Amino acid sequence: MTDRLAAAEALLADLVGFASISGQPNGEIVNYIKTYLESYGVIVHLDSHEDGQRFSLFASIGPQIDGGILLSGHLDVVPANPVGWSRDPFVLYKQDGRLYGRGAVDMKGFLAIALAMVPAFQEAASQLAKPVHLAFTFDEEVGSFGAAQMPSLLDRLGVKPAIAVIGEPTGMKPFIGHKGGLELIADIRGTAGHASDPRGTVNTLYYAARLISHLEDKARSLASQPRRDTPFDPPYTTISVGHIKGGEARNIIADHCRFLWEIRPLPEDDPYAILGEIQQFVTTELLPEMQAIHADAGIDLIVESWCPGMQARAGSPAANLVAQLWTNETPDVVSFGTDGGHFQAAGIETIVFGPGGMAQMHQPDEFIEVTALGDGLGFLDRLLTHMKAPH
């Protein structure tokens, strides 16, 4: 285990060295992992975004049969402003049992331990009763875009994993469910003019304000009808507006406004039905007023990304696997999203479970403890023994 832990630390240092920020080309880190896997004789498949600049990576070890365990993590990290960091965020630094660097805990630590286990998995490949799969995705942080494509890749490859372990930093505690995330843009078009005479103009800021007020009303309505049968907190679907931009100056009528908003539904709720109600308000209340002044005025509600929720399945094979190999702690749920929703939606029993603490995610001086890497390796070592047994 000592040698394997040292290998994981070395791999993590290399992975952190790639500034694989969401939305940016990630070919360098993907090629590094691909070369590493191929050095152990593992066949690697790449799945590219339509721009050909970002890639997910998939590989399998063991028998080419249905079933098996899929270990999944995302390759991208959130940006790191060096001003908030004690040191270069893309150079791994070890101090007092902690490994510092952007992505160290979210979630290159998990990628590192999964890769450190590859030699052992490959050595035991002929003994594995079921395959072990690796699925490393792009752009999880901005919409789970890589994971959204992964089910199609699995279909093309004829691969049908039974269980997916999403290695987010949960402190090695099992999470069996999370809310979904429908990420949206409201794009509002009006007409410019001098503020001294607003007649005949469509001020997009006014219509943005009315639309945002409607979203707030809808959010309050949802909050007033909490579900009594859900483990989620808050126990209802939420709506939030996060960023707005529009206008040029105080004395110019704003001819364009754009704001970012989201719907985070309970797994049982349909966010597209909620979006349809909001679109109806736009169509019947706002657009007629706007277009009566200027025919080309309009409002577009644009879906930027959709990450399905994960239904909480306490007795699922995924939850039972973690209970058998690591902990009998009662599984919990979270309100933020992960790639796991796409895997569960594809019919794969899924659990979110990995090393490191959530409190260190997206923070300056992000870190993972060496002991946490050791715990993650301990689980994967037990998984290897489990995979050798007939079941």
Protein backbone atom coordinates (compact mmCIF):
# COMPACT_ATOMS: atom_id res chain seq x y z
CA MET A 1 0.00 0.00 0.00
CA THR A 2 2.91 2.37 0.73
CA ASP A 3 4.20 2.05 -2.83
CA ARG A 4 0.72 2.54 -4.22
CA LEU A 5 0.19 5.67 -2.12
CA ALA A 6 3.48 7.09 -3.36
CA ALA A 7 2.37 6.36 -6.92
CA ALA A 8 -0.93 8.15 -6.29
CA GLU A 9 0.88 11.21 -4.95
CA ALA A 10 3.15 11.30 -8.00
CA LEU A 11 0.18 10.94 -10.34
CA LEU A 12 -1.67 13.69 -8.49
CA ALA A 13 1.30 16.01 -8.86
CA ASP A 14 1.26 15.44 -12.61
CA LEU A 15 -2.52 15.86 -12.88
CA VAL A 16 -2.58 19.09 -10.88
CA GLY A 17 0.14 20.40 -13.20
CA PHE A 18 -2.40 20.48 -16.02
CA ALA A 19 -4.56 23.60 -15.71
CA SER A 20 -7.60 21.78 -17.07
CA ILE A 21 -10.08 24.57 -16.39
CA SER A 22 -13.67 23.98 -17.46
CA GLY A 23 -14.51 25.07 -20.98
CA GLN A 24 -10.90 25.08 -22.15
CA PRO A 25 -9.10 22.50 -24.31
CA ASN A 26 -8.04 19.51 -22.23
CA GLY A 27 -6.04 17.46 -24.74
CA GLU A 28 -2.84 17.60 -22.68
CA ILE A 29 -4.23 15.96 -19.55
CA VAL A 30 -6.22 13.46 -21.62
CA ASN A 31 -3.15 12.45 -23.63
CA TYR A 32 -1.15 12.09 -20.42
CA ILE A 33 -3.74 9.69 -18.95
CA LYS A 34 -4.14 7.87 -22.26
CA THR A 35 -0.37 7.30 -22.50
CA TYR A 36 -0.26 6.11 -18.90
CA LEU A 37 -3.08 3.60 -19.40
CA GLU A 38 -1.69 2.33 -22.69
CA SER A 39 1.68 1.74 -21.01
CA TYR A 40 -0.12 -0.98 -19.01
CA GLY A 41 -1.81 -2.43 -22.09
CA VAL A 42 -5.20 -0.83 -21.45
CA ILE A 43 -7.22 0.11 -24.52
CA VAL A 44 -8.46 3.71 -24.34
CA HIS A 45 -11.42 5.35 -26.07
CA LEU A 46 -11.79 9.11 -26.38
CA ASP A 47 -15.10 10.92 -26.75
CA SER A 48 -14.80 14.48 -28.02
CA HIS A 49 -16.96 17.52 -27.61
CA GLU A 50 -18.28 18.84 -30.91
CA ASP A 51 -15.52 21.48 -30.91
CA GLY A 52 -12.84 18.75 -31.01
CA GLN A 53 -10.96 20.49 -28.20
CA ARG A 54 -12.32 18.73 -25.10
CA PHE A 55 -12.46 15.02 -24.47
CA SER A 56 -13.77 12.40 -22.11
CA LEU A 57 -11.80 9.19 -21.68
CA PHE A 58 -13.08 5.65 -21.22
CA ALA A 59 -11.24 2.38 -20.60
CA SER A 60 -12.05 -1.14 -19.39
CA ILE A 61 -10.01 -3.79 -17.61
CA GLY A 62 -11.08 -7.42 -17.31
CA PRO A 63 -13.58 -9.60 -19.17
CA GLN A 64 -15.56 -8.03 -21.99
CA ILE A 65 -18.96 -8.88 -20.55
CA ASP A 66 -21.92 -6.95 -19.19
CA GLY A 67 -21.83 -5.67 -15.64
CA GLY A 68 -18.91 -4.57 -13.56
CA ILE A 69 -18.00 -1.39 -11.74
CA LEU A 70 -17.46 2.00 -13.38
CA LEU A 71 -15.17 4.47 -11.59
CA SER A 72 -15.92 7.98 -12.75
CA GLY A 73 -14.35 11.37 -12.14
CA HIS A 74 -14.19 14.68 -13.96
CA LEU A 75 -11.02 16.09 -15.48
CA ASP A 76 -11.92 19.78 -15.27
CA VAL A 77 -11.33 22.15 -12.40
CA VAL A 78 -12.71 25.57 -11.49
CA PRO A 79 -10.47 28.60 -12.12
CA ALA A 80 -7.82 29.55 -9.55
CA ASN A 81 -6.97 33.19 -9.02
CA PRO A 82 -3.33 33.17 -7.85
CA VAL A 83 -4.07 36.22 -5.66
CA GLY A 84 -5.97 34.03 -3.21
CA TRP A 85 -3.38 31.27 -3.10
CA SER A 86 -0.27 30.92 -0.94
CA ARG A 87 1.55 29.27 -3.85
CA ASP A 88 1.13 28.43 -7.52
CA PRO A 89 -2.23 26.60 -7.66
CA PHE A 90 -1.05 24.35 -10.47
CA VAL A 91 2.05 23.02 -8.71
CA LEU A 92 1.26 20.37 -6.09
CA TYR A 93 2.71 21.24 -2.71
CA LYS A 94 2.92 18.89 0.29
CA GLN A 95 2.94 20.16 3.85
CA ASP A 96 1.85 18.66 7.17
CA GLY A 97 0.17 15.68 5.57
CA ARG A 98 -1.77 17.78 3.06
CA LEU A 99 -1.41 18.00 -0.70
CA TYR A 100 -2.27 21.47 -1.99
CA GLY A 101 -3.27 22.40 -5.54
CA ARG A 102 -6.25 23.27 -7.71
CA GLY A 103 -8.19 20.07 -8.25
CA ALA A 104 -6.33 18.17 -5.52
CA VAL A 105 -9.61 17.24 -3.87
CA ASP A 106 -12.12 18.08 -6.61
CA MET A 107 -11.46 15.68 -8.06
CA LYS A 108 -8.00 14.79 -9.29
CA GLY A 109 -7.33 13.02 -6.01
CA PHE A 110 -9.84 10.37 -7.04
CA LEU A 111 -8.42 10.21 -10.56
CA ALA A 112 -4.96 9.69 -9.08
CA ILE A 113 -5.96 6.76 -6.87
CA ALA A 114 -7.94 5.14 -9.68
CA LEU A 115 -4.91 5.39 -11.96
CA ALA A 116 -2.58 4.17 -9.20
CA MET A 117 -4.72 1.02 -8.99
CA VAL A 118 -4.50 0.31 -12.72
CA PRO A 119 -1.37 -1.88 -12.48
CA ALA A 120 -3.06 -4.05 -9.85
CA PHE A 121 -6.34 -4.23 -11.78
CA GLN A 122 -4.49 -5.09 -14.99
CA GLU A 123 -2.34 -7.73 -13.30
CA ALA A 124 -5.50 -9.37 -12.00
CA ALA A 125 -7.47 -8.91 -15.24
CA SER A 126 -7.73 -12.64 -15.96
CA GLN A 127 -9.08 -13.23 -12.45
CA LEU A 128 -11.76 -10.55 -12.50
CA ALA A 129 -15.30 -11.92 -12.50
CA LYS A 130 -16.58 -8.63 -13.91
CA PRO A 131 -14.84 -5.71 -15.64
CA VAL A 132 -13.60 -2.51 -14.05
CA HIS A 133 -14.32 0.60 -16.13
CA LEU A 134 -12.82 4.07 -15.98
CA ALA A 135 -14.83 7.06 -17.21
CA PHE A 136 -13.12 10.45 -16.91
CA THR A 137 -15.27 13.31 -18.17
CA PHE A 138 -14.86 16.91 -19.32
CA ASP A 139 -16.68 20.06 -18.13
CA GLU A 140 -18.54 18.67 -15.15
CA GLU A 141 -18.17 21.96 -13.31
CA VAL A 142 -20.09 23.96 -15.92
CA GLY A 143 -22.82 21.51 -16.85
CA SER A 144 -21.70 17.85 -16.89
CA PHE A 145 -21.26 18.06 -20.65
CA GLY A 146 -18.87 15.12 -20.89
CA ALA A 147 -21.06 12.86 -18.75
CA ALA A 148 -24.07 13.78 -20.87
CA GLN A 149 -22.31 12.17 -23.85
CA MET A 150 -20.99 9.13 -21.96
CA PRO A 151 -24.12 6.92 -22.22
CA SER A 152 -23.99 7.21 -26.01
CA LEU A 153 -20.33 6.20 -26.00
CA LEU A 154 -21.10 3.19 -23.81
CA ASP A 155 -23.87 2.18 -26.22
CA ARG A 156 -21.51 2.44 -29.18
CA LEU A 157 -18.94 0.32 -27.38
CA GLY A 158 -21.53 -2.21 -26.23
CA VAL A 159 -20.56 -1.65 -22.58
CA LYS A 160 -23.17 -2.06 -19.83
CA PRO A 161 -21.76 -1.40 -16.36
CA ALA A 162 -23.91 -2.44 -13.41
CA ILE A 163 -22.68 0.10 -10.87
CA ALA A 164 -21.07 3.54 -11.14
CA VAL A 165 -19.00 5.09 -8.35
CA ILE A 166 -18.70 8.86 -8.78
CA GLY A 167 -15.59 9.73 -6.81
CA GLU A 168 -16.51 13.22 -5.61
CA PRO A 169 -14.93 14.23 -2.28
CA THR A 170 -17.55 12.99 0.18
CA GLY A 171 -15.17 12.15 3.02
CA MET A 172 -15.72 8.46 2.16
CA LYS A 173 -19.37 8.79 3.11
CA PRO A 174 -21.99 7.43 0.68
CA PHE A 175 -24.41 9.79 -1.08
CA ILE A 176 -27.18 8.13 -3.05
CA GLY A 177 -29.09 11.09 -4.43
CA HIS A 178 -28.90 14.69 -5.53
CA LYS A 179 -31.04 17.30 -7.21
CA GLY A 180 -30.85 18.01 -10.91
CA GLY A 181 -29.71 21.20 -12.56
CA LEU A 182 -31.27 22.93 -15.57
CA GLU A 183 -28.90 25.80 -16.42
CA LEU A 184 -30.51 28.59 -18.40
CA ILE A 185 -29.91 31.95 -20.09
CA ALA A 186 -32.54 34.65 -20.61
CA ASP A 187 -31.65 36.80 -23.61
CA ILE A 188 -33.76 39.97 -23.93
CA ARG A 189 -33.71 42.21 -27.02
CA GLY A 190 -35.19 45.71 -27.17
CA THR A 191 -34.36 49.10 -28.68
CA ALA A 192 -31.90 51.81 -27.75
CA GLY A 193 -32.64 55.49 -27.34
CA HIS A 194 -31.92 58.59 -25.29
CA ALA A 195 -33.21 58.30 -21.74
CA SER A 196 -34.72 61.79 -21.96
CA ASP A 197 -37.45 60.42 -24.26
CA PRO A 198 -38.18 56.72 -23.72
CA ARG A 199 -41.30 56.78 -25.92
CA GLY A 200 -41.24 54.14 -28.65
CA THR A 201 -38.42 52.17 -27.05
CA VAL A 202 -38.25 48.77 -25.36
CA ASN A 203 -36.10 48.98 -22.26
CA THR A 204 -34.85 45.44 -21.73
CA LEU A 205 -33.94 46.09 -18.10
CA TYR A 206 -37.60 46.69 -17.24
CA TYR A 207 -38.63 43.43 -18.89
CA ALA A 208 -35.74 41.58 -17.28
CA ALA A 209 -36.91 42.89 -13.91
CA ARG A 210 -40.46 41.69 -14.54
CA LEU A 211 -39.26 38.27 -15.68
CA ILE A 212 -36.98 37.96 -12.65
CA SER A 213 -39.87 38.98 -10.39
CA HIS A 214 -41.96 36.23 -12.00
CA LEU A 215 -39.16 33.72 -11.35
CA GLU A 216 -39.06 34.82 -7.72
CA ASP A 217 -42.83 34.33 -7.44
CA LYS A 218 -42.53 30.86 -8.95
CA ALA A 219 -39.69 30.00 -6.57
CA ARG A 220 -41.83 31.07 -3.61
CA SER A 221 -44.73 29.01 -4.90
CA LEU A 222 -42.54 25.91 -5.10
CA ALA A 223 -41.15 26.56 -1.63
CA SER A 224 -44.68 26.83 -0.24
CA GLN A 225 -45.42 23.27 -1.37
CA PRO A 226 -42.59 21.14 0.06
CA ARG A 227 -42.66 17.41 -0.49
CA ARG A 228 -43.13 15.41 2.68
CA ASP A 229 -41.69 12.24 1.20
CA THR A 230 -38.27 13.53 0.08
CA PRO A 231 -34.92 13.29 1.88
CA PHE A 232 -33.69 16.51 0.26
CA ASP A 233 -33.15 19.76 2.13
CA PRO A 234 -34.68 22.08 1.10
CA PRO A 235 -37.53 19.68 0.27
CA TYR A 236 -38.61 21.41 -2.91
CA THR A 237 -37.37 22.46 -6.34
CA THR A 238 -35.53 25.78 -6.30
CA ILE A 239 -35.13 28.58 -8.85
CA SER A 240 -32.31 31.11 -8.71
CA VAL A 241 -30.98 34.03 -10.76
CA GLY A 242 -27.21 34.31 -10.49
CA HIS A 243 -25.86 36.94 -12.90
CA ILE A 244 -27.25 39.81 -14.97
CA LYS A 245 -25.72 42.13 -17.54
CA GLY A 246 -27.31 44.83 -19.64
CA GLY A 247 -27.26 48.44 -20.72
CA GLU A 248 -24.46 50.88 -21.46
CA ALA A 249 -25.05 54.02 -19.41
CA ARG A 250 -27.56 55.77 -17.18
CA ASN A 251 -28.83 58.00 -20.00
CA ILE A 252 -29.18 55.29 -22.69
CA ILE A 253 -32.21 53.02 -23.02
CA ALA A 254 -30.90 49.48 -22.63
CA ASP A 255 -31.47 47.57 -25.87
CA HIS A 256 -30.07 44.28 -24.59
CA CYS A 257 -30.04 42.37 -21.33
CA ARG A 258 -28.96 38.88 -20.48
CA PHE A 259 -29.14 36.99 -17.22
CA LEU A 260 -28.15 33.54 -16.03
CA TRP A 261 -30.57 31.46 -14.00
CA GLU A 262 -31.25 27.90 -13.02
CA ILE A 263 -33.84 25.39 -11.88
CA ARG A 264 -32.65 22.75 -9.40
CA PRO A 265 -35.44 20.17 -9.35
CA LEU A 266 -36.06 17.32 -7.00
CA PRO A 267 -35.48 14.08 -8.95
CA GLU A 268 -39.25 13.56 -9.03
CA ASP A 269 -40.02 16.99 -10.51
CA ASP A 270 -39.93 17.93 -14.20
CA PRO A 271 -37.92 21.12 -14.73
CA TYR A 272 -39.03 21.36 -18.34
CA ALA A 273 -42.65 21.58 -17.20
CA ILE A 274 -41.67 24.47 -14.92
CA LEU A 275 -39.77 26.07 -17.79
CA GLY A 276 -42.87 25.68 -19.94
CA GLU A 277 -44.94 27.63 -17.41
CA ILE A 278 -42.35 30.41 -17.38
CA GLN A 279 -42.24 30.44 -21.18
CA GLN A 280 -46.03 30.82 -21.16
CA PHE A 281 -45.69 33.96 -19.02
CA VAL A 282 -43.13 35.34 -21.46
CA THR A 283 -45.29 34.52 -24.48
CA THR A 284 -48.60 35.83 -23.17
CA GLU A 285 -47.57 38.71 -20.89
CA LEU A 286 -44.24 40.19 -21.93
CA LEU A 287 -43.79 39.62 -25.66
CA PRO A 288 -47.07 41.21 -26.78
CA GLU A 289 -46.17 44.42 -24.96
CA MET A 290 -42.65 44.48 -26.29
CA GLN A 291 -43.53 43.67 -29.89
CA ALA A 292 -46.38 46.19 -29.94
CA ILE A 293 -43.62 48.80 -29.59
CA HIS A 294 -40.99 47.13 -31.76
CA ALA A 295 -41.61 44.01 -33.86
CA ASP A 296 -38.06 42.69 -33.48
CA ALA A 297 -38.05 42.84 -29.67
CA GLY A 298 -37.99 39.47 -27.99
CA ILE A 299 -37.03 37.17 -25.15
CA ASP A 300 -35.27 33.83 -25.64
CA LEU A 301 -35.06 31.33 -22.79
CA ILE A 302 -32.02 29.23 -23.69
CA VAL A 303 -31.17 25.89 -22.10
CA GLU A 304 -27.41 25.84 -21.59
CA SER A 305 -27.17 22.42 -19.94
CA TRP A 306 -29.18 19.77 -18.14
CA CYS A 307 -27.87 17.45 -15.44
CA PRO A 308 -30.49 14.97 -14.24
CA GLY A 309 -31.01 14.42 -10.56
CA MET A 310 -30.18 11.16 -8.85
CA GLN A 311 -33.08 9.42 -7.18
CA ALA A 312 -32.19 8.26 -3.67
CA ARG A 313 -32.18 4.46 -3.71
CA ALA A 314 -31.08 3.35 -0.25
CA GLY A 315 -31.12 -0.36 -1.02
CA SER A 316 -29.55 -0.21 -4.47
CA PRO A 317 -26.66 -2.49 -5.49
CA ALA A 318 -24.42 0.60 -5.50
CA ALA A 319 -25.29 1.48 -1.90
CA ASN A 320 -24.92 -2.16 -0.87
CA LEU A 321 -21.49 -2.37 -2.49
CA VAL A 322 -20.15 0.55 -0.44
CA ALA A 323 -21.80 -0.82 2.70
CA GLN A 324 -20.17 -4.19 2.11
CA LEU A 325 -16.69 -2.90 1.31
CA TRP A 326 -16.32 0.23 3.40
CA THR A 327 -19.03 1.57 5.72
CA ASN A 328 -22.51 0.79 6.96
CA GLU A 329 -23.17 4.49 7.56
CA THR A 330 -26.66 5.46 6.40
CA PRO A 331 -26.39 6.99 2.90
CA ASP A 332 -27.31 10.66 2.53
CA VAL A 333 -28.31 13.07 -0.25
CA VAL A 334 -27.03 16.49 -1.39
CA SER A 335 -28.61 19.43 -3.21
CA PHE A 336 -25.75 20.08 -5.65
CA GLY A 337 -25.35 18.04 -8.81
CA THR A 338 -22.77 15.55 -10.09
CA ASP A 339 -22.14 13.49 -13.19
CA GLY A 340 -23.98 10.68 -11.42
CA GLY A 341 -27.38 11.78 -12.67
CA HIS A 342 -26.46 10.93 -16.25
CA PHE A 343 -25.25 7.44 -15.31
CA GLN A 344 -28.34 6.66 -13.23
CA ALA A 345 -30.55 7.94 -16.05
CA ALA A 346 -28.75 5.49 -18.35
CA GLY A 347 -29.81 2.59 -16.13
CA ILE A 348 -26.61 2.24 -14.09
CA GLU A 349 -27.00 2.03 -10.31
CA THR A 350 -24.96 4.96 -9.05
CA ILE A 351 -23.42 6.24 -5.83
CA VAL A 352 -21.37 9.36 -5.07
CA PHE A 353 -18.46 8.33 -2.87
CA GLY A 354 -14.83 9.36 -2.71
CA PRO A 355 -11.89 10.68 -0.68
CA GLY A 356 -11.37 14.20 0.64
CA GLY A 357 -13.63 16.82 2.17
CA MET A 358 -16.32 18.90 0.49
CA ALA A 359 -15.25 21.92 2.53
CA GLN A 360 -12.03 22.14 0.49
CA MET A 361 -13.80 22.22 -2.89
CA HIS A 362 -13.46 25.42 -4.97
CA GLN A 363 -11.37 27.11 -2.27
CA PRO A 364 -8.02 28.94 -2.40
CA ASP A 365 -5.30 26.60 -1.12
CA GLU A 366 -7.48 23.61 -1.97
CA PHE A 367 -6.03 20.42 -0.51
CA ILE A 368 -6.55 16.73 0.08
CA GLU A 369 -5.03 14.91 3.02
CA VAL A 370 -2.60 12.09 2.33
CA THR A 371 -4.62 9.91 4.69
CA ALA A 372 -7.69 10.54 2.53
CA LEU A 373 -5.84 9.21 -0.52
CA GLY A 374 -4.92 6.20 1.59
CA ASP A 375 -8.56 5.62 2.49
CA GLY A 376 -9.56 5.83 -1.16
CA LEU A 377 -6.89 3.33 -2.11
CA GLY A 378 -8.05 1.07 0.71
CA PHE A 379 -11.56 1.01 -0.73
CA LEU A 380 -10.29 0.31 -4.24
CA ASP A 381 -8.07 -2.48 -2.92
CA ARG A 382 -11.11 -4.07 -1.29
CA LEU A 383 -13.01 -3.56 -4.54
CA LEU A 384 -10.29 -5.44 -6.41
CA THR A 385 -10.62 -8.40 -4.02
CA HIS A 386 -14.38 -8.23 -4.39
CA MET A 387 -14.13 -8.19 -8.18
CA LYS A 388 -12.01 -11.34 -8.15
CA ALA A 389 -14.70 -13.30 -6.33
CA PRO A 390 -17.50 -14.97 -8.27
CA HIS A 391 -20.73 -13.00 -7.84
